[in-house]
Protein backbone atom coordinates (compact mmCIF):
# COMPACT_ATOMS: atom_id res chain seq x y z
CA ARG A 1 197.80 61.45 62.42
CA PHE A 2 197.21 61.33 66.13
CA VAL A 3 200.10 58.80 66.76
CA SER A 4 202.64 61.11 65.09
CA SER A 5 200.86 64.25 66.94
CA TYR A 6 201.23 62.42 70.35
CA GLU A 7 204.79 61.87 69.65
CA ARG A 8 205.96 64.65 68.38
CA ASN A 9 204.28 66.64 71.33
CA ASN A 10 204.82 64.26 74.35
CA LEU A 11 207.30 66.92 75.47
CA SER A 12 206.76 68.42 79.29
CA PRO A 13 207.06 72.32 79.14
CA LEU A 14 207.34 72.07 83.43
CA GLY A 15 209.86 74.52 84.07
CA SER A 16 209.47 77.05 82.26
CA ALA A 17 207.50 79.14 84.74
CA ALA A 18 205.74 81.74 83.62
CA LEU A 19 207.77 82.91 80.98
CA ALA A 20 211.66 82.42 80.83
CA GLY A 21 212.27 79.59 83.12
CA THR A 22 213.60 79.55 86.65
CA PRO A 23 217.17 80.58 88.58
CA HIS A 24 216.37 77.28 91.17
CA LYS A 25 218.00 74.05 91.13
CA ILE A 26 215.12 71.69 89.24
CA ASP A 27 215.78 68.69 87.37
CA ARG A 28 213.18 69.10 84.43
CA SER A 29 214.53 65.96 82.63
CA ILE A 30 213.66 63.82 85.78
CA VAL A 31 210.41 65.21 86.24
CA ALA A 32 209.36 64.53 82.58
CA SER A 33 210.49 60.95 82.75
CA GLU A 34 208.71 60.30 85.84
CA LEU A 35 205.28 61.86 84.47
CA GLY A 36 205.62 59.85 80.91
CA PHE A 37 206.75 62.44 78.86
CA ALA A 38 209.52 61.80 76.07
CA GLY A 39 211.50 64.64 76.83
CA CYS A 40 211.51 68.48 77.72
CA THR A 41 210.50 71.64 75.62
CA GLN A 42 213.94 73.52 74.95
CA ASN A 43 212.51 77.09 74.85
CA ALA A 44 210.70 78.20 77.71
CA MET A 45 208.87 81.36 75.63
CA ASP A 46 207.71 79.17 73.27
CA SER A 47 206.34 76.57 75.68
CA VAL A 48 204.51 79.32 77.67
CA SER A 49 202.82 80.69 74.27
CA ASP A 50 202.57 77.51 72.14
CA ARG A 51 199.16 75.71 71.41
CA ASP A 52 200.34 73.40 68.33
CA TYR A 53 199.10 70.89 70.57
CA ALA A 54 195.73 71.53 70.84
CA LEU A 55 195.27 73.06 67.32
CA GLU A 56 196.84 69.42 66.04
CA ILE A 57 194.27 67.65 68.36
CA LEU A 58 191.38 69.99 66.83
CA PHE A 59 192.63 69.64 63.00
CA ASN A 60 193.23 65.56 63.44
CA ILE A 61 189.65 65.64 64.88
CA SER A 62 188.42 67.66 62.17
CA VAL A 63 189.96 65.20 59.47
CA PHE A 64 188.22 62.32 60.93
CA MET A 65 184.92 64.00 61.27
CA THR A 66 185.12 65.32 57.83
CA HIS A 67 185.84 61.46 56.63
CA ALA A 68 183.04 60.24 58.73
CA SER A 69 180.52 63.28 57.49
CA ARG A 70 181.18 62.12 53.91
CA LEU A 71 180.70 58.09 54.43
CA CYS A 72 177.61 59.49 56.51
CA GLU A 73 176.69 61.27 53.78
CA GLU A 74 176.55 58.02 51.32
CA LEU A 75 174.83 56.14 53.95
CA ILE A 76 172.28 58.55 54.55
CA LEU A 77 171.78 58.70 50.51
CA TRP A 78 171.99 54.87 50.29
CA SER A 79 169.09 54.60 52.49
CA SER A 80 166.53 56.82 50.84
CA GLN A 81 163.81 55.20 49.17
CA GLU A 82 165.34 56.31 45.70
CA PHE A 83 168.62 54.40 46.24
CA GLY A 84 167.21 51.66 48.87
CA PHE A 85 170.71 50.18 49.14
CA VAL A 86 170.95 50.15 52.89
CA SER A 87 168.84 49.54 55.73
CA ILE A 88 169.91 51.55 58.83
CA SER A 89 169.12 49.82 62.04
CA ASP A 90 165.99 50.41 64.43
CA ALA A 91 168.60 51.45 66.62
CA TYR A 92 170.19 54.47 65.13
CA SER A 93 167.60 56.05 63.42
CA THR A 94 164.41 57.18 64.52
CA GLY A 95 160.78 57.41 63.42
CA SER A 96 159.02 60.68 61.23
CA SER A 97 157.54 62.95 63.16
CA ILE A 98 154.91 63.12 60.59
CA MET A 99 155.11 60.15 57.93
CA PRO A 100 154.87 56.92 60.12
CA GLN A 101 156.17 54.88 56.88
CA LYS A 102 159.29 56.60 57.36
CA LYS A 103 162.81 55.84 59.23
CA ASN A 104 165.17 58.77 59.31
CA PRO A 105 168.76 58.35 59.49
CA ASP A 106 169.31 60.14 62.66
CA VAL A 107 172.61 59.26 63.51
CA ALA A 108 174.15 59.98 60.18
CA GLU A 109 172.76 63.16 59.98
CA LEU A 110 173.83 64.07 63.46
CA ILE A 111 178.00 62.81 62.80
CA ARG A 112 177.14 65.31 60.08
CA GLY A 113 176.39 68.28 61.95
CA LYS A 114 178.79 67.63 64.73
CA THR A 115 181.60 67.85 61.94
CA GLY A 116 180.81 71.65 61.63
CA ARG A 117 181.12 72.04 65.03
CA VAL A 118 184.50 70.34 65.34
CA ASN A 119 185.49 72.29 62.46
CA GLY A 120 184.51 75.57 64.32
CA ASN A 121 186.16 74.88 67.38
CA LEU A 122 189.35 74.55 64.86
CA VAL A 123 189.10 77.67 63.25
CA ALA A 124 188.05 79.47 66.78
CA LEU A 125 191.22 78.44 68.14
CA LEU A 126 193.41 79.65 65.35
CA THR A 127 191.56 82.91 65.13
CA THR A 128 192.67 83.14 69.11
CA MET A 129 195.86 82.28 68.51
CA LYS A 130 196.27 84.71 65.18
CA GLY A 131 197.53 88.46 66.55
CA LEU A 132 199.02 87.00 70.10
CA PRO A 133 202.57 88.24 71.11
CA LEU A 134 204.86 85.58 72.57
CA ALA A 135 204.32 84.41 75.86
CA TYR A 136 201.15 83.72 78.03
CA ASN A 137 198.00 86.04 77.20
CA LYS A 138 194.57 85.27 78.50
CA ASP A 139 193.03 84.90 75.35
CA MET A 140 194.55 81.49 75.19
CA GLN A 141 192.24 79.94 78.07
CA GLU A 142 189.98 79.97 74.93
CA ASP A 143 191.71 76.77 74.20
CA LYS A 144 190.09 74.26 76.66
CA GLU A 145 186.50 74.71 76.10
CA GLY A 146 187.01 73.82 71.74
CA VAL A 147 190.04 70.75 72.67
CA PHE A 148 187.42 68.99 75.64
CA ASP A 149 184.34 69.68 73.49
CA SER A 150 185.46 67.91 70.42
CA VAL A 151 187.22 65.23 72.04
CA ALA A 152 184.07 64.21 73.31
CA THR A 153 182.40 64.67 70.21
CA ILE A 154 184.62 62.47 68.29
CA LEU A 155 184.64 59.29 70.96
CA SER A 156 181.02 59.31 71.08
CA SER A 157 180.56 59.87 67.11
CA ALA A 158 183.26 57.14 66.52
CA THR A 159 181.80 54.94 69.09
CA ILE A 160 178.14 55.06 67.84
CA LEU A 161 179.35 54.98 63.87
CA ASN A 162 181.34 51.95 64.09
CA GLU A 163 177.80 50.24 65.41
CA MET A 164 175.51 51.75 63.17
CA ILE A 165 178.33 50.49 60.66
CA LYS A 166 177.91 46.76 61.74
CA THR A 167 174.28 46.63 62.41
CA ALA A 168 173.43 47.76 58.69
CA LYS A 169 171.89 45.55 56.12
CA PHE A 170 172.74 46.23 52.73
CA ASN A 171 170.33 45.11 49.52
CA GLU A 172 172.53 43.51 47.48
CA LYS A 173 169.48 43.03 44.95
CA ASN A 174 168.81 46.63 44.47
CA MET A 175 172.67 47.34 44.24
CA LEU A 176 172.91 45.02 41.45
CA LYS A 177 169.75 46.49 39.48
CA ALA A 178 171.44 49.63 39.74
CA THR A 179 174.46 48.63 37.71
CA LYS A 180 172.19 47.65 35.33
CA THR A 181 170.87 50.93 34.59
CA GLY A 182 173.06 53.83 32.63
CA HIS A 183 175.15 51.49 30.67
CA LEU A 184 177.73 51.31 33.12
CA SER A 185 180.00 48.51 31.03
CA ALA A 186 180.47 50.83 28.02
CA THR A 187 183.77 51.56 29.11
CA ASP A 188 184.84 47.83 29.50
CA LEU A 189 183.69 47.48 26.10
CA ALA A 190 185.75 50.06 24.68
CA ASP A 191 188.53 49.04 26.86
CA TYR A 192 187.79 45.09 25.55
CA LEU A 193 187.93 46.18 21.81
CA VAL A 194 191.31 47.78 22.26
CA ARG A 195 192.94 45.18 24.12
CA GLU A 196 191.25 42.01 22.65
CA LYS A 197 190.72 43.39 19.23
CA ASN A 198 193.51 46.35 18.52
CA ILE A 199 191.24 48.68 17.87
CA PRO A 200 192.47 52.30 18.31
CA PHE A 201 190.59 53.72 21.46
CA ARG A 202 188.68 56.99 19.71
CA THR A 203 187.49 54.23 17.44
CA ALA A 204 186.19 52.08 20.28
CA HIS A 205 184.63 54.96 21.86
CA PHE A 206 182.73 55.33 18.91
CA ILE A 207 181.62 51.45 18.41
CA THR A 208 180.75 51.61 21.96
CA GLY A 209 178.59 54.46 21.23
CA LYS A 210 176.60 53.00 18.68
CA ALA A 211 176.27 49.96 20.82
CA VAL A 212 174.83 51.72 23.18
CA ALA A 213 171.94 53.32 21.04
CA LYS A 214 171.15 50.16 19.92
CA ALA A 215 170.65 49.23 23.65
CA GLU A 216 168.45 51.90 24.11
CA SER A 217 166.52 51.21 20.84
CA LEU A 218 165.63 47.77 22.01
CA GLY A 219 165.08 49.15 25.56
CA LEU A 220 167.89 47.39 27.11
CA ASP A 221 170.92 48.03 29.34
CA LEU A 222 174.17 47.58 27.32
CA SER A 223 174.87 44.69 29.59
CA GLU A 224 171.73 42.60 28.43
CA LEU A 225 172.35 42.35 24.67
CA ASN A 226 173.75 39.03 23.49
CA LYS A 227 177.06 38.14 21.54
CA GLU A 228 174.51 38.62 18.02
CA GLN A 229 173.26 42.15 18.66
CA LEU A 230 176.79 43.19 19.88
CA LYS A 231 178.44 41.86 16.84
């Protein structure tokens, strides 16, 4: 997304002047080339009033942070006592203010919280731009603070998220144990009956349900039934 936005917006607006260009003999192409732009914008009025480049980077940051937030939510959930799937390094967590034994996944929670902040910056600029006529309006000076804030936020968040994930330790024993509750292999059994025994899925579904009931009556997970019990 970021590369695509860069390529699409890497055009020099210089020479547009305050509204409709300038009558002076300037060479916009040379200036654009010297400054590293791919070319020049084509319409002076649009160049002055356009903030698509700012909106696009804010949107891209919001998309990235939304995905990061969802990942952090999983890490927060998985690091809880109820799950115990992952242990986040002490470098990226803090102790509880009241419970000595508790470790809080603060970095993950902060990234989740900062996502609302960058989403707010995007909505703020969209709202600023929604009623403006063409050419420059002073309202547009509001584009700076949100963009700078969002860029700083994603740079720090992406860096620390990377380190947090690299140093996290996953508890494979607890994760394996979790797969043995809730009869997670039931769908596999039904699919097996369809594929190997040529049984219609609705019938396989019913048979599997009976097998689950059998497992529960024995206090077992479906995956723990032996072949004779399944037969």
